[in-house]
Amino acid sequence: MPGAERTTSTAPSAHLRNARFAVAVLTAMNLLNYVDRYLPSAVKDLFKKDLALTDAQTSLPLTAFVVVYMLASPIFGSLADRYSRNRLIAAGVALWSAATAAAAFAQSFTMFLVARAAVGIGEAAYATISPSLLSDYFPPARRNRVLTIFYVAIPVGAAIGFTVGGILGAHFGWRMAFLACGLPGLATAALVLMIREPARGAFDAPTLCPPVAASTWPEALRLLARNRPYLFAVLGYVAVTFASGALADWFPTFLARHRGFTLAEADTLVGTTAVVGGLGGTLLGGFCGDRLRGRTRHPYLAVSALSLFTATLFALLAIRLHDRFAIGACVLTAQLFLWFYNGPINTVIVNAVSSALRNRAFSVSILCIHLFGDALSPLLVGAIADRASLPLALALVPASLLVGTLVWAFAWRALPEGTDA
């Protein structure tokens, strides 16, 4: 298309260098984000004892973070349409890093809760804007590959958060874990300022609507509500986020209480399987999605639905079994297939809307997946655990994964060919 030719022919080597630098920096930033996000889950029982909390209270910091994060995302979605995207991202990274480090100095549960909530403001900037920024560097056919690289940082970061958090917590206390994991983000914030912004929408297909940014939120929401590929992608995403939020926050504690693991062993198992299964699953999911192009309609929805069904079965086994080796094998397999959707589903969201609507589309997606997903699930599991048992509460995980499977499978078969799914 003409816009793409102008972008790439003027200075192709410079554009490629800028694009690669942006991918590297934003991926590193995404990794640090998930180190921080899952750190509280790794040291849950440590700050529970120090601050004299109940099980339900130990999940409130994660819930507070998610609530602020999802509410701030639409604000940054609007700001990104008018202001420099790299500056907004850099400010967000600096804020979340400082807030993470500040949690180390909390002397009460309220102070700790406020610090974790403030992290959500900073992370909302990066999560809303980064996929839009990256998509403007590449044509639609290459976005799945690029977003797969970007989202590989999620399992790796989560694994580091669990593993390093567990080690630091066991040897130096939970406060040192927060301090050590918060400060490196300040360096990443400086690097984000060096990213050169690409032209907005240069690679977008001319058929995508709207050609200009929606002037009001009601108008933007109307456009998104009519976009069936986008709607189905987000609905399934909500179910997966509900399940993964509960699993990440509570599974190490479940292993320590009910399967004979020490906290350090449980954190190490979850961290190791997250990095191995998550890294392999994200890469394989992106690869399989591209390989299915031209072989089935909506290949990204197809690979996401099929892999999520497999993950559902192994997640159920991981919760039910008692043998350590069997638990580890099932967790690894569940993690592998659970992460297949990462690049493909976000590619569906990116390709379903134009650049003019993309920032708001991601902000609405973030709001929905957290409002109805992991803002609720850790607290709900904790509340059920207080009143019944943690094993019973964790049954919500495979149930929610099955809902996500059904949504994406229906979209794969029901959406007409020619949509951007």
Protein backbone atom coordinates (compact mmCIF):
# COMPACT_ATOMS: atom_id res chain seq x y z
CA MET A 1 0.00 0.00 0.00
CA PRO A 2 1.23 3.56 -0.65
CA GLY A 3 1.67 4.46 3.01
CA ALA A 4 3.84 1.43 3.60
CA GLU A 5 6.02 2.24 0.60
CA ARG A 6 6.67 5.77 1.85
CA THR A 7 7.59 4.49 5.29
CA THR A 8 9.99 1.81 4.14
CA SER A 9 11.54 3.26 0.97
CA THR A 10 12.73 6.58 2.38
CA ALA A 11 15.24 5.09 4.77
CA PRO A 12 14.66 1.34 5.06
CA SER A 13 17.79 0.59 7.07
CA ALA A 14 17.09 3.39 9.55
CA HIS A 15 13.47 2.26 9.91
CA LEU A 16 14.60 -1.31 10.52
CA ARG A 17 17.14 -0.22 13.14
CA ASN A 18 14.52 1.88 14.91
CA ALA A 19 12.05 -0.98 14.79
CA ARG A 20 14.52 -3.49 16.23
CA PHE A 21 15.56 -1.09 18.98
CA ALA A 22 11.92 -0.50 19.90
CA VAL A 23 11.21 -4.24 20.05
CA ALA A 24 14.28 -4.85 22.25
CA VAL A 25 13.56 -2.03 24.71
CA LEU A 26 9.82 -2.63 25.00
CA THR A 27 10.36 -6.37 25.43
CA ALA A 28 12.88 -5.75 28.23
CA MET A 29 10.37 -3.39 29.82
CA ASN A 30 7.64 -6.03 29.54
CA LEU A 31 9.91 -8.53 31.29
CA LEU A 32 10.52 -6.20 34.24
CA ASN A 33 6.80 -5.51 34.43
CA TYR A 34 6.00 -9.17 35.01
CA VAL A 35 8.86 -9.65 37.45
CA ASP A 36 7.20 -6.96 39.51
CA ARG A 37 3.64 -8.17 38.99
CA TYR A 38 4.18 -11.67 40.38
CA LEU A 39 6.67 -10.80 43.09
CA PRO A 40 3.94 -10.46 45.80
CA SER A 41 2.70 -13.98 45.02
CA ALA A 42 6.20 -15.40 45.56
CA VAL A 43 6.53 -13.89 49.04
CA LYS A 44 2.86 -14.02 50.04
CA ASP A 45 3.31 -16.01 53.25
CA LEU A 46 6.28 -13.87 54.30
CA PHE A 47 4.49 -10.53 54.31
CA LYS A 48 1.34 -12.26 55.59
CA LYS A 49 3.20 -13.18 58.78
CA ASP A 50 5.03 -9.86 59.09
CA LEU A 51 1.89 -7.74 58.63
CA ALA A 52 -0.50 -10.17 60.38
CA LEU A 53 -2.89 -10.70 57.46
CA THR A 54 -5.57 -13.22 56.52
CA ASP A 55 -5.45 -15.22 53.27
CA ALA A 56 -7.97 -12.91 51.64
CA GLN A 57 -5.92 -9.83 52.66
CA THR A 58 -2.75 -11.22 51.08
CA SER A 59 -4.47 -11.06 47.68
CA LEU A 60 -5.66 -7.47 48.13
CA PRO A 61 -2.33 -5.92 46.99
CA LEU A 62 -2.63 -7.73 43.66
CA THR A 63 -6.30 -6.79 43.40
CA ALA A 64 -5.53 -3.14 44.24
CA PHE A 65 -2.84 -3.07 41.57
CA VAL A 66 -5.14 -4.58 38.98
CA VAL A 67 -8.05 -2.25 39.80
CA VAL A 68 -5.91 0.89 39.43
CA TYR A 69 -4.20 -0.58 36.37
CA MET A 70 -7.44 -1.27 34.54
CA LEU A 71 -9.02 2.07 35.46
CA ALA A 72 -5.95 4.03 34.36
CA SER A 73 -5.68 2.21 31.01
CA PRO A 74 -8.54 4.07 29.24
CA ILE A 75 -6.98 7.36 30.37
CA PHE A 76 -3.67 6.46 28.75
CA GLY A 77 -5.56 5.18 25.71
CA SER A 78 -6.90 8.69 25.18
CA LEU A 79 -3.62 10.44 25.99
CA ALA A 80 -1.74 8.29 23.48
CA ASP A 81 -3.91 9.65 20.66
CA ARG A 82 -2.70 13.21 21.43
CA TYR A 83 0.76 13.03 22.98
CA SER A 84 4.12 11.35 22.48
CA ARG A 85 3.75 7.64 23.09
CA ASN A 86 7.35 6.97 24.13
CA ARG A 87 7.26 9.76 26.74
CA LEU A 88 4.04 8.45 28.22
CA ILE A 89 5.53 4.94 28.41
CA ALA A 90 8.78 6.23 29.99
CA ALA A 91 6.87 8.14 32.67
CA GLY A 92 4.83 5.05 33.46
CA VAL A 93 7.88 2.78 33.74
CA ALA A 94 9.60 5.21 36.12
CA LEU A 95 6.49 5.46 38.28
CA TRP A 96 5.89 1.72 38.62
CA SER A 97 9.57 1.06 39.38
CA ALA A 98 9.63 3.67 42.16
CA ALA A 99 6.36 2.34 43.61
CA THR A 100 7.69 -1.23 43.67
CA ALA A 101 10.79 -0.14 45.56
CA ALA A 102 8.65 1.96 47.92
CA ALA A 103 6.72 -1.15 49.03
CA ALA A 104 9.91 -2.33 50.75
CA PHE A 105 9.57 0.51 53.27
CA ALA A 106 5.90 -0.05 54.14
CA GLN A 107 5.31 -0.27 57.88
CA SER A 108 1.62 -1.15 57.68
CA PHE A 109 -0.73 -3.04 55.43
CA THR A 110 -2.30 0.24 54.26
CA MET A 111 1.08 1.65 53.18
CA PHE A 112 1.89 -1.59 51.37
CA LEU A 113 -1.51 -1.54 49.63
CA VAL A 114 -1.07 2.05 48.46
CA ALA A 115 2.37 1.31 47.04
CA ARG A 116 1.10 -1.68 45.10
CA ALA A 117 -1.90 0.28 43.81
CA ALA A 118 0.43 3.03 42.52
CA VAL A 119 2.26 0.42 40.44
CA GLY A 120 -0.94 0.05 38.43
CA ILE A 121 -0.82 3.65 37.20
CA GLY A 122 2.64 3.21 35.77
CA GLU A 123 2.00 -0.13 34.15
CA ALA A 124 -1.21 1.11 32.50
CA ALA A 125 0.86 3.46 30.34
CA TYR A 126 3.12 0.74 28.97
CA ALA A 127 0.49 -1.98 28.48
CA THR A 128 -1.97 0.25 26.63
CA ILE A 129 0.49 1.97 24.33
CA SER A 130 3.31 -0.51 23.58
CA PRO A 131 1.39 -2.88 21.24
CA SER A 132 0.11 0.08 19.25
CA LEU A 133 3.59 1.55 18.98
CA LEU A 134 5.08 -1.76 17.83
CA SER A 135 2.31 -2.43 15.30
CA ASP A 136 3.05 0.86 13.53
CA TYR A 137 6.57 -0.39 12.74
CA PHE A 138 5.41 -3.53 10.90
CA PRO A 139 2.83 -4.69 8.32
CA PRO A 140 0.01 -7.02 9.47
CA ALA A 141 1.71 -10.20 8.20
CA ARG A 142 4.71 -9.61 10.51
CA ARG A 143 2.89 -8.42 13.62
CA ASN A 144 2.24 -11.87 15.07
CA ARG A 145 5.98 -12.60 15.01
CA VAL A 146 6.85 -9.26 16.62
CA LEU A 147 4.14 -9.48 19.27
CA THR A 148 5.21 -13.05 20.02
CA ILE A 149 8.71 -11.74 20.85
CA PHE A 150 7.20 -8.95 22.95
CA TYR A 151 4.92 -11.30 24.89
CA VAL A 152 7.64 -13.90 25.45
CA ALA A 153 8.73 -11.53 28.22
CA ILE A 154 5.57 -12.35 30.21
CA PRO A 155 6.43 -15.95 31.17
CA VAL A 156 10.10 -15.14 31.54
CA GLY A 157 9.35 -12.15 33.76
CA ALA A 158 6.81 -14.11 35.80
CA ALA A 159 9.34 -16.90 36.29
CA ILE A 160 12.00 -14.46 37.43
CA GLY A 161 9.50 -12.86 39.78
CA PHE A 162 8.65 -16.21 41.36
CA THR A 163 12.18 -17.61 41.43
CA VAL A 164 14.21 -14.54 42.37
CA GLY A 165 11.44 -13.32 44.67
CA GLY A 166 11.38 -16.66 46.46
CA ILE A 167 15.18 -16.78 46.82
CA LEU A 168 15.53 -13.17 47.97
CA GLY A 169 12.56 -13.53 50.29
CA ALA A 170 13.94 -16.70 51.88
CA HIS A 171 17.44 -15.30 52.41
CA PHE A 172 16.99 -11.55 52.88
CA GLY A 173 13.28 -11.03 53.59
CA TRP A 174 10.38 -9.82 51.47
CA ARG A 175 11.38 -6.15 51.75
CA MET A 176 14.70 -6.70 50.00
CA ALA A 177 12.91 -8.63 47.25
CA PHE A 178 10.73 -5.59 46.44
CA LEU A 179 13.66 -3.18 46.57
CA ALA A 180 15.88 -5.30 44.33
CA CYS A 181 13.16 -5.90 41.73
CA GLY A 182 11.93 -2.29 41.58
CA LEU A 183 15.05 -0.23 40.91
CA PRO A 184 16.17 -1.72 37.52
CA GLY A 185 13.06 -0.32 35.84
CA LEU A 186 14.42 3.23 36.08
CA ALA A 187 17.13 2.38 33.54
CA THR A 188 14.54 1.00 31.15
CA ALA A 189 12.54 4.23 31.42
CA ALA A 190 15.56 6.17 30.14
CA LEU A 191 15.95 3.81 27.16
CA VAL A 192 12.28 4.19 26.18
CA LEU A 193 12.90 7.92 25.61
CA MET A 194 15.39 6.96 22.87
CA ILE A 195 12.73 5.18 20.80
CA ARG A 196 11.74 7.08 17.65
CA GLU A 197 8.03 6.99 17.02
CA PRO A 198 6.91 5.54 13.66
CA ALA A 199 4.21 7.07 11.49
CA ARG A 200 0.81 6.09 12.83
CA GLY A 201 -1.16 3.69 10.65
CA ALA A 202 1.38 3.57 7.81
CA PHE A 203 0.92 -0.19 7.37
CA ASP A 204 -2.81 -0.40 8.08
CA ALA A 205 -5.14 -1.88 5.46
CA PRO A 206 -7.33 0.85 3.88
CA THR A 207 -10.47 -1.17 4.76
CA LEU A 208 -9.95 -0.83 8.51
CA CYS A 209 -12.21 1.66 10.26
CA PRO A 210 -12.21 4.32 11.45
CA PRO A 211 -9.68 6.18 9.22
CA VAL A 212 -9.39 8.85 11.94
CA ALA A 213 -9.49 8.60 15.72
CA ALA A 214 -12.90 8.37 17.31
CA SER A 215 -13.55 11.80 18.79
CA THR A 216 -15.38 10.55 21.91
CA TRP A 217 -15.32 7.45 24.09
CA PRO A 218 -18.97 6.57 23.29
CA GLU A 219 -18.11 6.64 19.59
CA ALA A 220 -15.03 4.46 20.16
CA LEU A 221 -17.02 1.97 22.23
CA ARG A 222 -19.70 1.76 19.55
CA LEU A 223 -17.10 0.90 16.94
CA LEU A 224 -15.48 -1.74 19.15
CA ALA A 225 -18.87 -3.25 20.09
CA ARG A 226 -19.58 -3.84 16.39
CA ASN A 227 -16.20 -5.49 15.80
CA ARG A 228 -16.88 -9.21 16.26
CA PRO A 229 -13.26 -10.48 15.98
CA TYR A 230 -12.25 -7.98 18.64
CA LEU A 231 -15.17 -8.89 20.91
CA PHE A 232 -14.55 -12.64 20.80
CA ALA A 233 -10.81 -12.18 21.31
CA VAL A 234 -11.41 -10.09 24.43
CA LEU A 235 -14.15 -12.35 25.85
CA GLY A 236 -11.87 -15.38 25.73
CA TYR A 237 -9.02 -13.27 27.09
CA VAL A 238 -11.16 -12.40 30.13
CA ALA A 239 -11.67 -16.08 30.99
CA VAL A 240 -7.98 -16.91 30.57
CA THR A 241 -6.91 -13.93 32.69
CA PHE A 242 -9.33 -14.95 35.44
CA ALA A 243 -7.77 -18.41 35.54
CA SER A 244 -4.13 -17.38 35.22
CA GLY A 245 -4.51 -14.70 37.90
CA ALA A 246 -5.84 -17.22 40.41
CA LEU A 247 -3.26 -19.84 39.45
CA ALA A 248 -0.28 -17.49 39.67
CA ASP A 249 -1.34 -15.97 42.97
CA TRP A 250 -2.34 -19.14 44.79
CA PHE A 251 -0.69 -22.22 43.27
CA PRO A 252 2.67 -21.89 45.11
CA THR A 253 0.79 -21.49 48.39
CA PHE A 254 -1.39 -24.51 47.50
CA LEU A 255 1.69 -26.65 46.92
CA ALA A 256 3.25 -25.54 50.20
CA ARG A 257 0.11 -26.19 52.25
CA HIS A 258 -1.37 -29.28 50.64
CA ARG A 259 1.33 -31.11 48.68
CA GLY A 260 4.30 -31.08 51.06
CA PHE A 261 6.45 -28.50 49.27
CA THR A 262 8.40 -25.82 51.08
CA LEU A 263 7.58 -22.28 49.97
CA ALA A 264 10.95 -21.99 48.21
CA GLU A 265 10.37 -25.33 46.42
CA ALA A 266 6.87 -24.29 45.36
CA ASP A 267 8.06 -20.91 44.06
CA THR A 268 10.91 -22.59 42.19
CA LEU A 269 8.58 -25.15 40.58
CA VAL A 270 6.09 -22.51 39.46
CA GLY A 271 8.88 -20.20 38.30
CA THR A 272 10.73 -22.92 36.38
CA THR A 273 7.64 -24.28 34.66
CA ALA A 274 6.51 -20.74 33.87
CA VAL A 275 9.75 -19.84 32.12
CA VAL A 276 10.15 -23.18 30.29
CA GLY A 277 6.50 -23.74 29.44
CA GLY A 278 5.70 -20.08 28.96
CA LEU A 279 8.70 -19.36 26.75
CA GLY A 280 8.16 -22.50 24.68
CA GLY A 281 4.41 -22.02 24.52
CA THR A 282 4.55 -18.38 23.45
CA LEU A 283 7.08 -19.15 20.72
CA LEU A 284 5.23 -22.26 19.53
CA GLY A 285 1.89 -20.46 19.58
CA GLY A 286 3.22 -17.65 17.41
CA PHE A 287 4.88 -20.14 15.04
CA CYS A 288 1.79 -22.35 14.76
CA GLY A 289 -0.45 -19.37 14.18
CA ASP A 290 1.63 -18.25 11.21
CA ARG A 291 1.92 -21.81 9.87
CA LEU A 292 -1.87 -22.13 9.87
CA ARG A 293 -2.32 -19.03 7.72
CA GLY A 294 -4.05 -20.13 4.52
CA ARG A 295 -4.85 -23.60 5.94
CA THR A 296 -7.83 -22.68 8.10
CA ARG A 297 -9.89 -19.57 8.53
CA HIS A 298 -8.95 -17.47 11.51
CA PRO A 299 -5.71 -19.36 12.26
CA TYR A 300 -4.91 -17.30 15.37
CA LEU A 301 -8.25 -18.14 16.95
CA ALA A 302 -7.84 -21.79 15.91
CA VAL A 303 -4.46 -22.27 17.58
CA SER A 304 -5.62 -20.40 20.68
CA ALA A 305 -8.75 -22.53 21.14
CA LEU A 306 -7.06 -25.88 20.57
CA SER A 307 -4.11 -25.17 22.83
CA LEU A 308 -6.28 -23.75 25.61
CA PHE A 309 -8.37 -26.94 25.70
CA THR A 310 -5.20 -28.98 26.24
CA ALA A 311 -4.07 -26.57 28.97
CA THR A 312 -7.44 -26.99 30.70
CA LEU A 313 -7.03 -30.76 31.00
CA PHE A 314 -3.50 -30.58 32.43
CA ALA A 315 -4.37 -27.75 34.83
CA LEU A 316 -7.11 -29.95 36.28
CA LEU A 317 -4.66 -32.82 36.70
CA ALA A 318 -2.07 -30.56 38.36
CA ILE A 319 -4.59 -29.61 41.04
CA ARG A 320 -5.88 -33.14 41.61
CA LEU A 321 -2.66 -35.17 41.67
CA HIS A 322 -0.42 -35.69 44.72
CA ASP A 323 2.79 -37.15 43.30
CA ARG A 324 5.49 -34.49 43.03
CA PHE A 325 6.81 -35.63 39.66
CA ALA A 326 3.32 -35.89 38.18
CA ILE A 327 2.41 -32.43 39.49
CA GLY A 328 5.54 -30.94 37.94
CA ALA A 329 4.92 -32.64 34.59
CA CYS A 330 1.29 -31.51 34.48
CA VAL A 331 2.11 -27.94 35.49
CA LEU A 332 4.79 -27.75 32.80
CA THR A 333 2.45 -29.09 30.12
CA ALA A 334 -0.38 -26.81 31.22
CA GLN A 335 1.95 -23.80 31.15
CA LEU A 336 3.20 -24.78 27.69
CA PHE A 337 -0.24 -24.86 26.11
CA LEU A 338 -1.67 -22.04 28.22
CA TRP A 339 0.77 -19.56 26.68
CA PHE A 340 0.07 -20.46 23.03
CA TYR A 341 -2.58 -17.73 22.78
CA ASN A 342 -0.28 -14.88 23.79
CA GLY A 343 0.94 -13.63 20.41
CA PRO A 344 -2.01 -14.81 18.28
CA ILE A 345 -4.84 -13.27 20.33
CA ASN A 346 -3.07 -9.93 20.67
CA THR A 347 -2.47 -10.05 16.93
CA VAL A 348 -6.22 -10.51 16.43
CA ILE A 349 -6.80 -7.38 18.50
CA VAL A 350 -4.12 -5.39 16.65
CA ASN A 351 -5.28 -6.40 13.17
CA ALA A 352 -9.00 -6.03 13.88
CA VAL A 353 -8.80 -2.24 14.31
CA SER A 354 -6.98 0.63 12.66
CA SER A 355 -4.16 2.58 14.26
CA ALA A 356 -6.62 5.39 14.93
CA LEU A 357 -8.56 3.15 17.32
CA ARG A 358 -5.79 0.79 18.49
CA ASN A 359 -4.75 2.58 21.70
CA ARG A 360 -8.35 2.67 22.91
CA ALA A 361 -8.97 -0.91 21.79
CA PHE A 362 -6.10 -2.11 23.97
CA SER A 363 -7.19 0.08 26.88
CA VAL A 364 -10.71 -1.41 26.74
CA SER A 365 -9.23 -4.90 26.47
CA ILE A 366 -7.06 -4.29 29.54
CA LEU A 367 -10.02 -2.89 31.46
CA CYS A 368 -12.19 -5.92 30.65
CA ILE A 369 -9.67 -8.70 31.21
CA HIS A 370 -8.73 -7.32 34.61
CA LEU A 371 -12.11 -6.05 35.77
CA PHE A 372 -13.70 -9.42 35.09
CA GLY A 373 -10.49 -11.46 35.33
CA ASP A 374 -7.58 -11.26 37.75
CA ALA A 375 -8.99 -8.36 39.77
CA LEU A 376 -11.59 -10.85 41.02
CA SER A 377 -10.05 -14.30 40.91
CA PRO A 378 -7.26 -14.10 43.55
CA LEU A 379 -9.58 -12.47 46.07
CA LEU A 380 -12.36 -14.94 45.27
CA VAL A 381 -10.02 -17.91 45.69
CA GLY A 382 -8.79 -16.49 49.00
CA ALA A 383 -12.33 -15.95 50.25
CA ILE A 384 -13.37 -19.51 49.30
CA ALA A 385 -10.20 -20.86 50.91
CA ASP A 386 -11.03 -19.04 54.16
CA ARG A 387 -14.55 -20.49 54.22
CA ALA A 388 -14.00 -23.95 52.68
CA SER A 389 -10.63 -25.10 51.35
CA LEU A 390 -7.92 -23.92 48.96
CA PRO A 391 -8.11 -27.09 46.77
CA LEU A 392 -11.83 -26.47 46.25
CA ALA A 393 -11.23 -22.80 45.46
CA LEU A 394 -8.63 -23.64 42.81
CA ALA A 395 -11.23 -25.65 40.87
CA LEU A 396 -12.19 -22.25 39.44
CA VAL A 397 -9.01 -22.36 37.33
CA PRO A 398 -9.83 -25.22 34.91
CA ALA A 399 -13.49 -24.16 34.82
CA SER A 400 -12.54 -20.69 33.62
CA LEU A 401 -10.03 -22.06 31.09
CA LEU A 402 -12.80 -24.20 29.60
CA VAL A 403 -14.99 -21.11 29.16
CA GLY A 404 -12.16 -19.39 27.26
CA THR A 405 -11.72 -22.46 25.07
CA LEU A 406 -15.39 -22.47 24.11
CA VAL A 407 -15.43 -18.74 23.28
CA TRP A 408 -12.42 -18.90 20.98
CA ALA A 409 -13.55 -22.18 19.38
CA PHE A 410 -16.95 -20.65 18.60
CA ALA A 411 -15.31 -17.55 17.08
CA TRP A 412 -12.99 -19.70 14.99
CA ARG A 413 -15.89 -21.58 13.42
CA ALA A 414 -18.61 -18.91 13.45
CA LEU A 415 -16.91 -15.73 12.20
CA PRO A 416 -17.15 -15.28 8.43
CA GLU A 417 -14.04 -15.51 6.33
CA GLY A 418 -12.44 -12.24 5.38
CA THR A 419 -12.48 -10.73 8.89
CA ASP A 420 -9.18 -9.79 10.50
CA ALA A 421 -9.21 -12.68 13.00
